[in-house]
């Protein structure tokens, strides 16, 4: 019964968030902010609005730890912030469109700030990879996230798998999290 209530609440939140972002004009003081159309990738990230929780497994050593990811629409509906907590360490990512393309900026606990572009998108998944034109990160000199993929369960929109790849001291590692929407 609680699962049904959570599903209904989540669907209502998504519907209202999308409707607000599409129909409500943003004004600051007397200045109306310009409306902008959103890329399909931005719309896909909007489907993740809310808080997701679960556990991540690192391929490097098999460690398993708690994670949470909270997506919020901000800046008049033009940016999505993602607050990331992995094993108690908080990080931040932003999602916004530039020139009709989604740009993802990740502010990592590794001390790097990689910028990503969409490398693949389907109805149930989206992948991003390092945007070489916007980064000066090199595997021989830096540790950084190199790519991410989100795959939503087509039968349950409140269930998602998140995978990322990380260059750690020149060695490529992967991580995988099984997530459930908690709000």
N, C-alpha and C. Protein backbone atom coordinates (compact mmCIF):
# COMPACT_ATOMS: atom_id res chain seq x y z
N UNK A 1 0.83 -1.19 0.00
CA UNK A 1 0.00 0.00 0.00
C UNK A 1 0.87 1.25 0.00
N UNK A 2 1.95 1.25 0.82
CA UNK A 2 2.85 2.40 0.85
C UNK A 2 3.52 2.63 -0.49
N UNK A 3 3.81 1.54 -1.22
CA UNK A 3 4.43 1.66 -2.53
C UNK A 3 3.50 2.36 -3.51
N UNK A 4 2.22 2.06 -3.43
CA UNK A 4 1.24 2.70 -4.31
C UNK A 4 1.14 4.18 -3.99
N UNK A 5 1.12 4.52 -2.70
CA UNK A 5 1.06 5.93 -2.31
C UNK A 5 2.30 6.68 -2.78
N UNK A 6 3.49 6.06 -2.66
CA UNK A 6 4.72 6.69 -3.10
C UNK A 6 4.70 6.89 -4.61
N UNK A 7 4.23 5.90 -5.35
CA UNK A 7 4.15 6.01 -6.79
C UNK A 7 3.22 7.14 -7.20
N UNK A 8 2.06 7.23 -6.59
CA UNK A 8 1.10 8.29 -6.91
C UNK A 8 1.69 9.66 -6.57
N UNK A 9 2.30 9.79 -5.40
CA UNK A 9 2.91 11.06 -4.99
C UNK A 9 4.02 11.46 -5.95
N UNK A 10 4.83 10.50 -6.37
CA UNK A 10 5.93 10.77 -7.29
C UNK A 10 5.40 11.23 -8.65
N UNK A 11 4.40 10.53 -9.16
CA UNK A 11 3.84 10.91 -10.46
C UNK A 11 3.21 12.29 -10.41
N UNK A 12 2.51 12.61 -9.33
CA UNK A 12 1.92 13.94 -9.19
C UNK A 12 3.01 15.00 -9.12
N UNK A 13 4.08 14.74 -8.37
CA UNK A 13 5.18 15.69 -8.27
C UNK A 13 5.81 15.93 -9.64
N UNK A 14 6.06 14.86 -10.39
CA UNK A 14 6.64 15.01 -11.72
C UNK A 14 5.73 15.79 -12.65
N UNK A 15 4.46 15.49 -12.62
CA UNK A 15 3.50 16.20 -13.48
C UNK A 15 3.47 17.68 -13.14
N UNK A 16 3.37 18.00 -11.85
CA UNK A 16 3.30 19.40 -11.45
C UNK A 16 4.62 20.12 -11.71
N UNK A 17 5.76 19.46 -11.48
CA UNK A 17 7.06 20.09 -11.74
C UNK A 17 7.21 20.40 -13.22
N UNK A 18 6.84 19.46 -14.08
CA UNK A 18 6.93 19.69 -15.52
C UNK A 18 5.98 20.80 -15.95
N UNK A 19 4.77 20.79 -15.42
CA UNK A 19 3.80 21.83 -15.78
C UNK A 19 4.27 23.19 -15.32
N UNK A 20 4.82 23.28 -14.12
CA UNK A 20 5.32 24.56 -13.62
C UNK A 20 6.46 25.04 -14.49
N UNK A 21 7.40 24.14 -14.80
CA UNK A 21 8.55 24.53 -15.59
C UNK A 21 8.14 24.99 -16.98
N UNK A 22 7.10 24.39 -17.54
CA UNK A 22 6.69 24.72 -18.89
C UNK A 22 5.76 25.93 -18.95
N UNK A 23 4.91 26.11 -17.94
CA UNK A 23 3.85 27.11 -18.05
C UNK A 23 4.04 28.35 -17.19
N UNK A 24 4.78 28.26 -16.12
CA UNK A 24 4.91 29.39 -15.23
C UNK A 24 6.04 30.30 -15.69
N UNK A 25 5.75 31.58 -15.79
CA UNK A 25 6.78 32.54 -16.15
C UNK A 25 7.50 32.96 -14.88
N UNK A 26 8.79 33.07 -14.98
CA UNK A 26 9.60 33.46 -13.85
C UNK A 26 9.87 34.95 -13.92
N UNK A 27 9.61 35.65 -12.82
CA UNK A 27 9.93 37.07 -12.74
C UNK A 27 10.74 37.32 -11.48
N UNK A 28 11.67 38.23 -11.61
CA UNK A 28 12.44 38.71 -10.47
C UNK A 28 12.24 40.21 -10.44
N UNK A 29 11.57 40.67 -9.37
CA UNK A 29 11.17 42.08 -9.34
C UNK A 29 10.15 42.30 -10.44
N UNK A 30 10.43 43.24 -11.31
CA UNK A 30 9.55 43.51 -12.45
C UNK A 30 10.08 42.94 -13.75
N UNK A 31 11.14 42.16 -13.68
CA UNK A 31 11.77 41.63 -14.89
C UNK A 31 11.33 40.19 -15.11
N UNK A 32 10.73 39.95 -16.28
CA UNK A 32 10.32 38.59 -16.64
C UNK A 32 11.48 37.90 -17.33
N UNK A 33 11.82 36.72 -16.82
CA UNK A 33 12.92 35.96 -17.39
C UNK A 33 12.47 35.32 -18.70
N UNK A 34 13.37 35.28 -19.65
CA UNK A 34 13.05 34.70 -20.95
C UNK A 34 12.81 33.20 -20.81
N UNK A 35 11.79 32.72 -21.48
CA UNK A 35 11.50 31.29 -21.50
C UNK A 35 12.42 30.63 -22.52
N UNK A 36 12.82 29.39 -22.24
CA UNK A 36 13.67 28.69 -23.19
C UNK A 36 13.15 27.27 -23.36
N UNK A 37 13.35 26.74 -24.55
CA UNK A 37 12.96 25.35 -24.78
C UNK A 37 14.05 24.45 -24.22
N UNK A 38 13.69 23.26 -23.87
CA UNK A 38 14.61 22.32 -23.23
C UNK A 38 14.96 21.18 -24.18
N UNK A 39 16.20 20.73 -24.09
CA UNK A 39 16.64 19.60 -24.91
C UNK A 39 15.98 18.32 -24.40
N UNK A 40 15.89 17.30 -25.25
CA UNK A 40 15.36 16.01 -24.79
C UNK A 40 16.16 15.46 -23.60
N UNK A 41 17.46 15.69 -23.56
CA UNK A 41 18.27 15.20 -22.45
C UNK A 41 17.92 15.93 -21.15
N UNK A 42 17.68 17.25 -21.22
CA UNK A 42 17.28 18.00 -20.03
C UNK A 42 15.93 17.47 -19.53
N UNK A 43 15.02 17.23 -20.45
CA UNK A 43 13.71 16.67 -20.09
C UNK A 43 13.87 15.30 -19.43
N UNK A 44 14.83 14.51 -19.90
CA UNK A 44 15.07 13.19 -19.30
C UNK A 44 15.56 13.34 -17.86
N UNK A 45 16.44 14.31 -17.61
CA UNK A 45 16.93 14.54 -16.25
C UNK A 45 15.78 15.02 -15.36
N UNK A 46 14.86 15.81 -15.93
CA UNK A 46 13.71 16.28 -15.15
C UNK A 46 12.89 15.11 -14.60
N UNK A 47 12.89 13.99 -15.30
CA UNK A 47 12.15 12.82 -14.83
C UNK A 47 12.74 12.24 -13.55
N UNK A 48 13.96 12.66 -13.21
CA UNK A 48 14.61 12.16 -11.99
C UNK A 48 14.42 13.09 -10.80
N UNK A 49 13.67 14.19 -10.97
CA UNK A 49 13.49 15.12 -9.86
C UNK A 49 13.03 14.38 -8.61
N UNK A 50 13.59 14.74 -7.47
CA UNK A 50 13.29 14.09 -6.21
C UNK A 50 14.54 13.47 -5.63
N UNK A 51 14.36 12.68 -4.60
CA UNK A 51 15.49 12.05 -3.91
C UNK A 51 15.52 10.56 -4.19
N UNK A 52 16.71 10.06 -4.49
CA UNK A 52 16.95 8.66 -4.77
C UNK A 52 17.95 8.14 -3.75
N UNK A 53 17.72 6.93 -3.24
CA UNK A 53 18.62 6.35 -2.25
C UNK A 53 18.89 4.89 -2.59
N UNK A 54 20.04 4.42 -2.16
CA UNK A 54 20.39 3.03 -2.39
C UNK A 54 21.79 2.73 -1.93
N UNK A 55 22.40 1.76 -2.58
CA UNK A 55 23.77 1.38 -2.26
C UNK A 55 24.59 1.29 -3.53
N UNK A 56 25.86 1.68 -3.38
CA UNK A 56 26.81 1.64 -4.50
C UNK A 56 27.86 0.58 -4.20
N UNK A 57 28.28 -0.12 -5.26
CA UNK A 57 29.37 -1.09 -5.17
C UNK A 57 30.51 -0.58 -6.04
N UNK A 58 31.72 -0.52 -5.46
CA UNK A 58 32.90 -0.11 -6.21
C UNK A 58 33.58 -1.34 -6.78
N UNK A 59 33.97 -1.27 -8.05
CA UNK A 59 34.66 -2.40 -8.66
C UNK A 59 36.10 -2.51 -8.16
N UNK A 60 36.66 -1.40 -7.72
CA UNK A 60 38.06 -1.36 -7.29
C UNK A 60 38.35 -2.36 -6.18
N UNK A 61 37.47 -2.38 -5.15
CA UNK A 61 37.71 -3.25 -4.00
C UNK A 61 36.46 -3.98 -3.50
N UNK A 62 35.33 -3.79 -4.20
CA UNK A 62 34.10 -4.45 -3.81
C UNK A 62 33.37 -3.78 -2.65
N UNK A 63 33.85 -2.62 -2.22
CA UNK A 63 33.21 -1.91 -1.11
C UNK A 63 31.77 -1.56 -1.48
N UNK A 64 30.87 -1.68 -0.51
CA UNK A 64 29.46 -1.34 -0.68
C UNK A 64 29.11 -0.29 0.37
N UNK A 65 28.46 0.80 -0.06
CA UNK A 65 28.12 1.87 0.88
C UNK A 65 26.85 2.57 0.45
N UNK A 66 26.25 3.31 1.40
CA UNK A 66 25.00 4.04 1.15
C UNK A 66 25.26 5.27 0.30
N UNK A 67 24.28 5.56 -0.57
CA UNK A 67 24.33 6.73 -1.43
C UNK A 67 22.95 7.38 -1.50
N UNK A 68 22.96 8.68 -1.80
CA UNK A 68 21.70 9.38 -2.10
C UNK A 68 21.99 10.45 -3.14
N UNK A 69 21.01 10.69 -3.98
CA UNK A 69 21.10 11.68 -5.05
C UNK A 69 19.79 12.45 -5.04
N UNK A 70 19.88 13.78 -4.90
CA UNK A 70 18.66 14.59 -4.88
C UNK A 70 18.72 15.60 -6.01
N UNK A 71 17.72 15.53 -6.89
CA UNK A 71 17.61 16.40 -8.06
C UNK A 71 16.58 17.48 -7.79
N UNK A 72 16.96 18.76 -8.02
CA UNK A 72 16.06 19.89 -7.83
C UNK A 72 16.12 20.81 -9.03
N UNK A 73 14.95 21.28 -9.44
CA UNK A 73 14.85 22.26 -10.53
C UNK A 73 15.07 23.64 -9.93
N UNK A 74 15.95 24.45 -10.53
CA UNK A 74 16.28 25.76 -10.01
C UNK A 74 16.48 26.75 -11.16
N UNK A 75 16.83 27.96 -10.82
CA UNK A 75 17.13 29.01 -11.80
C UNK A 75 16.00 29.20 -12.80
N UNK A 76 14.78 29.30 -12.27
CA UNK A 76 13.63 29.53 -13.14
C UNK A 76 13.34 28.38 -14.07
N UNK A 77 13.74 27.17 -13.68
CA UNK A 77 13.48 25.99 -14.50
C UNK A 77 14.56 25.74 -15.54
N UNK A 78 15.68 26.46 -15.47
CA UNK A 78 16.74 26.34 -16.48
C UNK A 78 17.91 25.47 -16.07
N UNK A 79 17.97 25.11 -14.80
CA UNK A 79 19.08 24.29 -14.29
C UNK A 79 18.52 23.26 -13.32
N UNK A 80 19.13 22.10 -13.33
CA UNK A 80 18.83 21.07 -12.34
C UNK A 80 20.10 20.87 -11.54
N UNK A 81 19.97 20.94 -10.21
CA UNK A 81 21.11 20.63 -9.35
C UNK A 81 20.91 19.22 -8.80
N UNK A 82 22.01 18.53 -8.67
CA UNK A 82 22.01 17.19 -8.09
C UNK A 82 22.95 17.21 -6.90
N UNK A 83 22.42 17.02 -5.71
CA UNK A 83 23.25 16.89 -4.52
C UNK A 83 23.51 15.40 -4.33
N UNK A 84 24.77 15.05 -4.32
CA UNK A 84 25.22 13.67 -4.27
C UNK A 84 25.84 13.41 -2.91
N UNK A 85 25.45 12.31 -2.27
CA UNK A 85 26.12 11.89 -1.04
C UNK A 85 26.49 10.42 -1.22
N UNK A 86 27.80 10.17 -1.29
CA UNK A 86 28.30 8.81 -1.44
C UNK A 86 29.18 8.50 -0.24
N UNK A 87 28.75 7.54 0.56
CA UNK A 87 29.47 7.13 1.77
C UNK A 87 29.75 8.34 2.68
N UNK A 88 28.75 9.24 2.77
CA UNK A 88 28.84 10.40 3.65
C UNK A 88 29.55 11.61 3.04
N UNK A 89 30.08 11.49 1.83
CA UNK A 89 30.80 12.59 1.19
C UNK A 89 29.86 13.28 0.20
N UNK A 90 29.66 14.60 0.40
CA UNK A 90 28.73 15.35 -0.45
C UNK A 90 29.45 15.96 -1.65
N UNK A 91 28.79 15.89 -2.80
CA UNK A 91 29.27 16.49 -4.05
C UNK A 91 28.09 17.16 -4.73
N UNK A 92 28.35 17.80 -5.87
CA UNK A 92 27.31 18.52 -6.59
C UNK A 92 27.51 18.36 -8.09
N UNK A 93 26.42 18.22 -8.81
CA UNK A 93 26.43 18.28 -10.28
C UNK A 93 25.34 19.24 -10.72
N UNK A 94 25.56 19.90 -11.85
CA UNK A 94 24.54 20.76 -12.44
C UNK A 94 24.26 20.30 -13.86
N UNK A 95 23.01 20.48 -14.26
CA UNK A 95 22.55 20.10 -15.60
C UNK A 95 21.87 21.31 -16.21
N UNK A 96 22.34 21.77 -17.35
CA UNK A 96 21.71 22.90 -18.03
C UNK A 96 21.98 22.79 -19.52
N UNK A 97 21.13 23.45 -20.29
CA UNK A 97 21.30 23.45 -21.74
C UNK A 97 22.14 24.63 -22.18
N UNK A 98 23.02 24.37 -23.12
CA UNK A 98 23.80 25.41 -23.80
C UNK A 98 23.68 25.13 -25.30
N UNK A 99 23.11 26.09 -26.01
CA UNK A 99 22.97 25.90 -27.45
C UNK A 99 22.14 24.68 -27.81
N UNK A 100 21.14 24.36 -26.99
CA UNK A 100 20.26 23.23 -27.27
C UNK A 100 20.82 21.87 -26.88
N UNK A 101 21.98 21.85 -26.23
CA UNK A 101 22.60 20.59 -25.81
C UNK A 101 22.79 20.60 -24.30
N UNK A 102 22.56 19.45 -23.67
CA UNK A 102 22.74 19.34 -22.24
C UNK A 102 24.23 19.37 -21.89
N UNK A 103 24.56 20.19 -20.89
CA UNK A 103 25.92 20.25 -20.35
C UNK A 103 25.83 19.88 -18.88
N UNK A 104 26.67 18.94 -18.47
CA UNK A 104 26.70 18.48 -17.08
C UNK A 104 28.05 18.86 -16.49
N UNK A 105 28.01 19.52 -15.35
CA UNK A 105 29.23 19.89 -14.63
C UNK A 105 29.20 19.18 -13.28
N UNK A 106 30.27 18.47 -12.98
CA UNK A 106 30.35 17.68 -11.73
C UNK A 106 31.46 18.25 -10.86
N UNK A 107 31.10 18.61 -9.63
CA UNK A 107 32.05 19.15 -8.67
C UNK A 107 32.40 18.02 -7.71
N UNK A 108 33.52 17.36 -7.99
CA UNK A 108 33.85 16.06 -7.42
C UNK A 108 34.70 16.16 -6.16
N UNK A 109 34.54 15.17 -5.28
CA UNK A 109 35.35 15.07 -4.08
C UNK A 109 36.81 14.77 -4.41
N UNK A 110 37.07 14.35 -5.65
CA UNK A 110 38.45 14.11 -6.07
C UNK A 110 39.19 15.43 -6.33
N UNK A 111 38.47 16.56 -6.26
CA UNK A 111 39.08 17.86 -6.47
C UNK A 111 39.09 18.32 -7.91
N UNK A 112 38.39 17.60 -8.76
CA UNK A 112 38.30 17.98 -10.18
C UNK A 112 36.87 18.38 -10.51
N UNK A 113 36.70 19.06 -11.62
CA UNK A 113 35.38 19.54 -12.06
C UNK A 113 35.16 19.18 -13.53
N UNK A 114 34.98 17.89 -13.83
CA UNK A 114 34.78 17.50 -15.23
C UNK A 114 33.45 18.02 -15.79
N UNK A 115 33.48 18.29 -17.09
CA UNK A 115 32.30 18.74 -17.83
C UNK A 115 31.96 17.64 -18.84
N UNK A 116 30.67 17.31 -18.92
CA UNK A 116 30.22 16.19 -19.74
C UNK A 116 29.21 16.63 -20.80
N UNK A 117 29.09 15.79 -21.83
CA UNK A 117 28.05 15.96 -22.84
C UNK A 117 27.33 14.62 -22.99
N UNK A 118 26.15 14.67 -23.55
CA UNK A 118 25.36 13.45 -23.75
C UNK A 118 26.00 12.60 -24.84
N UNK A 119 26.19 11.32 -24.54
CA UNK A 119 26.76 10.40 -25.52
C UNK A 119 25.73 9.37 -25.99
N UNK A 120 24.60 9.28 -25.30
CA UNK A 120 23.54 8.37 -25.71
C UNK A 120 22.29 8.59 -24.89
N UNK A 121 21.14 8.47 -25.55
CA UNK A 121 19.88 8.64 -24.82
C UNK A 121 18.81 7.77 -25.47
N UNK A 122 18.05 7.05 -24.63
CA UNK A 122 16.91 6.26 -25.08
C UNK A 122 15.75 6.59 -24.15
N UNK A 123 14.64 5.91 -24.33
CA UNK A 123 13.48 6.15 -23.47
C UNK A 123 13.76 5.78 -22.01
N UNK A 124 14.69 4.83 -21.76
CA UNK A 124 14.93 4.39 -20.39
C UNK A 124 16.35 4.64 -19.89
N UNK A 125 17.23 5.21 -20.73
CA UNK A 125 18.59 5.44 -20.25
C UNK A 125 19.22 6.68 -20.88
N UNK A 126 20.21 7.20 -20.17
CA UNK A 126 21.00 8.31 -20.69
C UNK A 126 22.44 8.12 -20.24
N UNK A 127 23.37 8.34 -21.16
CA UNK A 127 24.79 8.26 -20.85
C UNK A 127 25.44 9.59 -21.18
N UNK A 128 26.42 9.95 -20.33
CA UNK A 128 27.21 11.15 -20.60
C UNK A 128 28.68 10.75 -20.58
N UNK A 129 29.47 11.47 -21.36
CA UNK A 129 30.91 11.23 -21.40
C UNK A 129 31.63 12.56 -21.32
N UNK A 130 32.89 12.49 -21.00
CA UNK A 130 33.71 13.68 -20.86
C UNK A 130 33.67 14.49 -22.15
N UNK A 131 33.44 15.78 -22.04
CA UNK A 131 33.48 16.68 -23.20
C UNK A 131 34.92 17.17 -23.33
N UNK A 132 35.65 16.54 -24.23
CA UNK A 132 37.08 16.83 -24.39
C UNK A 132 37.34 18.31 -24.69
N UNK A 133 36.42 18.97 -25.39
CA UNK A 133 36.61 20.37 -25.75
C UNK A 133 36.50 21.30 -24.54
N UNK A 134 35.88 20.84 -23.46
CA UNK A 134 35.66 21.69 -22.28
C UNK A 134 36.46 21.24 -21.06
N UNK A 135 37.39 20.32 -21.24
CA UNK A 135 38.17 19.79 -20.13
C UNK A 135 39.65 19.82 -20.44
N UNK A 136 40.43 19.96 -19.41
CA UNK A 136 41.88 19.83 -19.53
C UNK A 136 42.37 18.75 -18.57
N UNK A 137 41.54 17.75 -18.37
CA UNK A 137 41.87 16.65 -17.47
C UNK A 137 42.58 15.55 -18.24
N UNK A 138 43.62 14.99 -17.64
CA UNK A 138 44.39 13.93 -18.27
C UNK A 138 44.60 12.79 -17.27
N UNK A 139 44.41 11.57 -17.73
CA UNK A 139 44.48 10.42 -16.82
C UNK A 139 45.84 10.29 -16.16
N UNK A 140 46.89 10.74 -16.77
CA UNK A 140 48.22 10.65 -16.16
C UNK A 140 48.45 11.65 -15.05
N UNK A 141 47.62 12.70 -15.01
CA UNK A 141 47.84 13.78 -14.04
C UNK A 141 46.69 14.00 -13.06
N UNK A 142 45.50 13.53 -13.40
CA UNK A 142 44.33 13.83 -12.59
C UNK A 142 43.50 12.56 -12.33
N UNK A 143 42.75 12.59 -11.22
CA UNK A 143 41.73 11.57 -10.96
C UNK A 143 40.39 12.26 -11.17
N UNK A 144 39.48 11.63 -11.95
CA UNK A 144 38.21 12.27 -12.28
C UNK A 144 37.21 11.27 -12.83
N UNK A 145 35.94 11.64 -12.73
CA UNK A 145 34.86 10.85 -13.31
C UNK A 145 34.94 11.01 -14.83
N UNK A 146 34.87 9.89 -15.56
CA UNK A 146 34.99 9.95 -17.03
C UNK A 146 33.66 9.76 -17.74
N UNK A 147 32.65 9.21 -17.06
CA UNK A 147 31.35 9.00 -17.69
C UNK A 147 30.34 8.49 -16.69
N UNK A 148 29.06 8.65 -17.05
CA UNK A 148 27.97 8.20 -16.19
C UNK A 148 26.82 7.69 -17.06
N UNK A 149 26.08 6.73 -16.52
CA UNK A 149 24.89 6.20 -17.19
C UNK A 149 23.80 5.97 -16.15
N UNK A 150 22.58 6.40 -16.49
CA UNK A 150 21.41 6.15 -15.66
C UNK A 150 20.44 5.29 -16.47
N UNK A 151 19.95 4.23 -15.88
CA UNK A 151 18.99 3.37 -16.56
C UNK A 151 17.78 3.19 -15.63
N UNK A 152 16.63 3.64 -16.10
CA UNK A 152 15.40 3.55 -15.32
C UNK A 152 14.70 2.24 -15.66
N UNK A 153 14.12 1.63 -14.66
CA UNK A 153 13.33 0.41 -14.85
C UNK A 153 12.05 0.79 -15.58
N UNK A 154 11.84 0.24 -16.77
CA UNK A 154 10.66 0.59 -17.57
C UNK A 154 9.34 0.18 -16.89
N UNK A 155 9.40 -0.80 -16.00
CA UNK A 155 8.21 -1.24 -15.28
C UNK A 155 7.96 -0.44 -14.00
N UNK A 156 9.02 0.23 -13.50
CA UNK A 156 8.92 0.97 -12.25
C UNK A 156 9.77 2.25 -12.35
N UNK A 157 9.14 3.40 -12.63
CA UNK A 157 9.90 4.64 -12.79
C UNK A 157 10.55 5.12 -11.50
N UNK A 158 10.31 4.44 -10.38
CA UNK A 158 10.93 4.80 -9.10
C UNK A 158 12.12 3.91 -8.78
N UNK A 159 12.62 3.19 -9.78
CA UNK A 159 13.78 2.32 -9.62
C UNK A 159 14.77 2.64 -10.74
N UNK A 160 16.05 2.79 -10.36
CA UNK A 160 17.04 3.21 -11.34
C UNK A 160 18.40 2.61 -10.99
N UNK A 161 19.21 2.33 -12.02
CA UNK A 161 20.59 1.91 -11.85
C UNK A 161 21.47 3.06 -12.33
N UNK A 162 22.43 3.44 -11.51
CA UNK A 162 23.39 4.49 -11.85
C UNK A 162 24.77 3.85 -11.90
N UNK A 163 25.48 4.08 -13.01
CA UNK A 163 26.83 3.56 -13.16
C UNK A 163 27.75 4.70 -13.56
N UNK A 164 28.98 4.66 -13.03
CA UNK A 164 29.95 5.65 -13.47
C UNK A 164 31.31 5.00 -13.63
N UNK A 165 32.15 5.68 -14.40
CA UNK A 165 33.54 5.25 -14.56
C UNK A 165 34.41 6.38 -14.06
N UNK A 166 35.50 5.99 -13.40
CA UNK A 166 36.39 6.97 -12.77
C UNK A 166 37.83 6.61 -13.10
N UNK A 167 38.58 7.60 -13.55
CA UNK A 167 40.02 7.43 -13.70
C UNK A 167 40.63 7.80 -12.36
N UNK A 168 41.17 6.81 -11.68
CA UNK A 168 41.73 6.99 -10.34
C UNK A 168 43.22 6.68 -10.39
N UNK A 169 44.02 7.72 -10.31
CA UNK A 169 45.48 7.58 -10.42
C UNK A 169 45.87 6.83 -11.69
N UNK A 170 45.19 7.15 -12.80
CA UNK A 170 45.51 6.55 -14.08
C UNK A 170 44.84 5.22 -14.35
N UNK A 171 44.14 4.65 -13.38
CA UNK A 171 43.48 3.36 -13.56
C UNK A 171 41.98 3.57 -13.68
N UNK A 172 41.35 2.99 -14.70
CA UNK A 172 39.91 3.12 -14.90
C UNK A 172 39.17 2.14 -14.00
N UNK A 173 38.25 2.67 -13.19
CA UNK A 173 37.42 1.86 -12.30
C UNK A 173 35.96 2.16 -12.59
N UNK A 174 35.07 1.31 -12.12
CA UNK A 174 33.64 1.53 -12.30
C UNK A 174 32.92 1.37 -10.97
N UNK A 175 31.76 2.00 -10.89
CA UNK A 175 30.90 1.92 -9.71
C UNK A 175 29.47 1.72 -10.20
N UNK A 176 28.68 1.03 -9.39
CA UNK A 176 27.28 0.77 -9.76
C UNK A 176 26.40 0.92 -8.53
N UNK A 177 25.34 1.72 -8.68
CA UNK A 177 24.39 1.93 -7.58
C UNK A 177 23.00 1.49 -8.00
N UNK A 178 22.31 0.80 -7.11
CA UNK A 178 20.92 0.41 -7.30
C UNK A 178 20.11 1.38 -6.45
N UNK A 179 19.20 2.14 -7.09
CA UNK A 179 18.51 3.23 -6.42
C UNK A 179 17.00 3.10 -6.47
N UNK A 180 16.36 3.63 -5.43
CA UNK A 180 14.91 3.75 -5.36
C UNK A 180 14.58 5.19 -5.04
N UNK A 181 13.53 5.72 -5.68
CA UNK A 181 13.09 7.07 -5.36
C UNK A 181 12.46 7.04 -3.98
N UNK A 182 12.91 7.95 -3.10
CA UNK A 182 12.38 7.97 -1.75
C UNK A 182 11.42 9.12 -1.54
N UNK A 183 11.38 10.09 -2.44
CA UNK A 183 10.42 11.18 -2.36
C UNK A 183 10.32 11.89 -3.68
